[in-house]
Amino acid sequence: MRYSFIGKNFDVTDNFSNKISAKLDRISKLFPQDAEANILLTENKLDKKIDVTVNLPNKRIIKAEVTKDDFMAAVDEAVDILENQMVKYKNKLHDRAKKVPAYAAELSAIALDEDEYSDEDTINIVKSKKFFVKPMDAEEACMQMDMLGHSFFVFRNAESDEINIVYKRKDGAYGLIEPEI
């Protein structure tokens, strides 16, 4: 796996990047050889944030973002998150490859070992819901979402007549997703 480091309000030294690379090498066996990891290190006052994005060759992305008061603690937690995400991804591919042979090629590209997967990570949808999608603008959708106490809301945009999603961000602001089909 190849690594690239970017420091924001922080100077990434060779020694520091080698320490982070050594920690990430612990899980590199889970990723294909040609995977690329982009590591963004941000320092804001007392908070240290690490954002690791792994680009897989099949245009898939695995990402972990952790904020702690120590960079190395953040790296350790990010490595654990990446490991869990990759194992879940491989489990999904393994399950799909059993049902649809087309997924077998993607599965072989990431080289899944038989002892890495388990059936406990399968997705279990316990509830399904249908509802009328009312035309409204994004501000009205945000108000409706807040009144319902949800973290996201699906609506039909009155201006474009497309299905959109508003969501509540971690920082308290709102986001709008406008899918392109």
Protein backbone atom coordinates (compact mmCIF):
# COMPACT_ATOMS: atom_id res chain seq x y z
CA MET A 1 0.00 0.00 0.00
CA ARG A 2 1.26 3.48 -0.88
CA TYR A 3 0.95 6.35 1.60
CA SER A 4 0.77 10.09 1.06
CA PHE A 5 0.79 12.53 3.97
CA ILE A 6 -0.60 16.05 4.16
CA GLY A 7 -0.28 18.27 7.22
CA LYS A 8 -2.71 21.08 7.94
CA ASN A 9 -1.41 23.44 10.65
CA PHE A 10 1.13 20.68 11.25
CA ASP A 11 4.52 19.81 9.77
CA VAL A 12 4.72 16.09 8.92
CA THR A 13 8.30 14.94 9.47
CA ASP A 14 9.77 11.79 7.95
CA ASN A 15 10.10 10.23 11.39
CA PHE A 16 6.43 10.90 12.18
CA SER A 17 5.24 9.62 8.80
CA ASN A 18 7.31 6.45 9.30
CA LYS A 19 5.62 5.84 12.67
CA ILE A 20 2.17 6.24 11.13
CA SER A 21 3.12 4.03 8.17
CA ALA A 22 4.28 1.32 10.57
CA LYS A 23 0.90 1.39 12.33
CA LEU A 24 -0.98 1.28 9.02
CA ASP A 25 1.23 -1.59 7.80
CA ARG A 26 -0.44 -3.72 10.47
CA ILE A 27 -3.60 -3.82 8.32
CA SER A 28 -2.00 -3.52 4.87
CA LYS A 29 -2.46 -7.27 4.32
CA LEU A 30 -6.22 -6.64 4.13
CA PHE A 31 -5.83 -4.25 1.19
CA PRO A 32 -4.67 -4.90 -2.39
CA GLN A 33 -1.03 -4.09 -3.18
CA ASP A 34 -1.99 -1.17 -5.42
CA ALA A 35 -4.24 0.52 -2.83
CA GLU A 36 -3.37 4.11 -1.99
CA ALA A 37 -3.85 5.72 1.43
CA ASN A 38 -4.10 9.50 1.81
CA ILE A 39 -3.49 10.67 5.37
CA LEU A 40 -4.51 14.19 6.35
CA LEU A 41 -3.20 15.36 9.74
CA THR A 42 -4.82 18.48 11.17
CA GLU A 43 -3.87 20.27 14.39
CA ASN A 44 -6.36 22.74 15.89
CA LYS A 45 -5.35 24.03 19.31
CA LEU A 46 -5.65 20.96 21.56
CA ASP A 47 -7.37 18.67 19.04
CA LYS A 48 -5.42 16.41 16.72
CA LYS A 49 -7.40 15.03 13.79
CA ILE A 50 -6.42 12.27 11.41
CA ASP A 51 -8.38 11.56 8.24
CA VAL A 52 -7.32 8.38 6.41
CA THR A 53 -8.82 7.67 2.99
CA VAL A 54 -7.90 4.43 1.25
CA ASN A 55 -8.61 4.32 -2.49
CA LEU A 56 -9.12 0.76 -3.67
CA PRO A 57 -8.42 -0.14 -7.31
CA ASN A 58 -12.10 -0.87 -8.05
CA LYS A 59 -13.04 2.79 -7.34
CA ARG A 60 -14.20 2.00 -3.81
CA ILE A 61 -13.19 4.18 -0.87
CA ILE A 62 -12.64 3.20 2.76
CA LYS A 63 -12.39 6.16 5.15
CA ALA A 64 -11.73 6.80 8.84
CA GLU A 65 -11.77 10.17 10.60
CA VAL A 66 -10.74 10.47 14.27
CA THR A 67 -10.18 13.48 16.54
CA LYS A 68 -8.22 13.02 19.78
CA ASP A 69 -5.81 15.00 21.89
CA ASP A 70 -2.88 12.83 20.72
CA PHE A 71 -2.00 11.95 17.11
CA MET A 72 -0.84 8.42 17.86
CA ALA A 73 -4.03 7.59 19.77
CA ALA A 74 -6.01 8.92 16.82
CA VAL A 75 -3.94 6.78 14.44
CA ASP A 76 -4.59 3.66 16.53
CA GLU A 77 -8.35 4.27 16.49
CA ALA A 78 -8.33 5.04 12.76
CA VAL A 79 -6.49 1.78 12.06
CA ASP A 80 -9.14 -0.14 14.01
CA ILE A 81 -11.94 1.60 12.08
CA LEU A 82 -10.29 0.86 8.73
CA GLU A 83 -9.75 -2.77 9.67
CA ASN A 84 -13.41 -3.22 10.65
CA GLN A 85 -14.64 -1.50 7.48
CA MET A 86 -12.44 -3.60 5.20
CA VAL A 87 -13.46 -6.87 6.86
CA LYS A 88 -17.14 -5.90 6.51
CA TYR A 89 -16.59 -4.97 2.87
CA LYS A 90 -14.89 -8.29 2.17
CA ASN A 91 -17.69 -10.15 3.95
CA LYS A 92 -20.28 -8.42 1.76
CA LEU A 93 -18.32 -9.28 -1.37
CA HIS A 94 -17.95 -12.87 -0.23
CA ASP A 95 -21.70 -13.17 0.34
CA ARG A 96 -22.48 -11.54 -3.01
CA ALA A 97 -19.95 -13.72 -4.85
CA LYS A 98 -21.82 -16.81 -3.63
CA LYS A 99 -25.05 -15.48 -5.19
CA VAL A 100 -23.80 -13.54 -8.24
CA PRO A 101 -20.69 -14.76 -10.08
CA ALA A 102 -19.91 -11.23 -11.35
CA TYR A 103 -18.75 -10.25 -7.84
CA ALA A 104 -16.19 -13.06 -7.80
CA ALA A 105 -13.80 -10.98 -9.94
CA GLU A 106 -13.99 -8.03 -7.55
CA LEU A 107 -13.52 -10.40 -4.62
CA SER A 108 -10.41 -11.97 -6.16
CA ALA A 109 -8.99 -8.47 -6.76
CA ILE A 110 -8.84 -7.82 -3.02
CA ALA A 111 -7.70 -11.35 -2.08
CA LEU A 112 -9.98 -12.48 0.73
CA ASP A 113 -8.59 -15.16 3.03
CA GLU A 114 -11.20 -17.70 4.09
CA ASP A 115 -10.50 -17.19 7.81
CA GLU A 116 -11.12 -13.42 7.62
CA TYR A 117 -14.85 -13.46 7.03
CA SER A 118 -17.72 -14.31 9.31
CA ASP A 119 -21.47 -14.46 8.89
CA GLU A 120 -22.09 -12.18 11.87
CA ASP A 121 -21.43 -9.03 9.81
CA THR A 122 -24.30 -9.60 7.38
CA ILE A 123 -26.78 -6.79 6.94
CA ASN A 124 -30.17 -7.42 8.51
CA ILE A 125 -32.93 -4.98 7.51
CA VAL A 126 -35.54 -5.16 10.28
CA LYS A 127 -37.96 -2.49 9.12
CA SER A 128 -39.14 -1.13 5.80
CA LYS A 129 -41.20 2.01 5.37
CA LYS A 130 -43.03 3.68 2.48
CA PHE A 131 -44.12 7.29 2.54
CA PHE A 132 -45.35 10.02 0.23
CA VAL A 133 -42.55 12.33 -0.94
CA LYS A 134 -43.99 15.85 -0.82
CA PRO A 135 -42.63 18.67 -3.03
CA MET A 136 -40.94 21.38 -0.92
CA ASP A 137 -37.84 23.52 -0.79
CA ALA A 138 -34.72 22.60 1.21
CA GLU A 139 -35.46 25.01 4.09
CA GLU A 140 -38.95 23.56 4.55
CA ALA A 141 -37.48 20.04 4.48
CA CYS A 142 -35.01 21.01 7.25
CA MET A 143 -37.86 22.35 9.38
CA GLN A 144 -39.87 19.16 8.78
CA MET A 145 -36.83 17.03 9.71
CA ASP A 146 -36.37 18.97 12.96
CA MET A 147 -40.06 18.67 13.82
CA LEU A 148 -39.87 14.89 13.33
CA GLY A 149 -36.63 14.63 15.32
CA HIS A 150 -34.83 12.76 12.51
CA SER A 151 -31.23 13.14 11.39
CA PHE A 152 -32.18 13.13 7.68
CA PHE A 153 -35.24 13.75 5.52
CA VAL A 154 -36.12 12.70 1.97
CA PHE A 155 -38.19 15.13 -0.12
CA ARG A 156 -38.99 16.13 -3.68
CA ASN A 157 -37.34 19.44 -4.54
CA ALA A 158 -40.10 21.80 -5.70
CA GLU A 159 -37.70 23.69 -8.00
CA SER A 160 -36.03 20.76 -9.79
CA ASP A 161 -38.70 18.05 -9.18
CA GLU A 162 -35.84 15.68 -8.18
CA ILE A 163 -35.59 13.55 -5.03
CA ASN A 164 -33.22 15.24 -2.53
CA ILE A 165 -32.07 14.51 1.02
CA VAL A 166 -31.32 16.98 3.80
CA TYR A 167 -29.34 15.85 6.81
CA LYS A 168 -28.02 17.18 10.10
CA ARG A 169 -24.21 17.41 10.19
CA LYS A 170 -22.04 16.71 13.23
CA ASP A 171 -21.29 20.43 13.57
CA GLY A 172 -25.04 21.26 13.81
CA ALA A 173 -25.32 22.66 10.29
CA TYR A 174 -27.44 21.11 7.55
CA GLY A 175 -26.38 19.31 4.39
CA LEU A 176 -28.23 18.77 1.11
CA ILE A 177 -27.72 15.74 -1.15
CA GLU A 178 -28.81 16.14 -4.75
CA PRO A 179 -28.31 12.76 -6.48
CA GLU A 180 -27.21 12.69 -10.12
CA ILE A 181 -28.70 9.88 -12.14
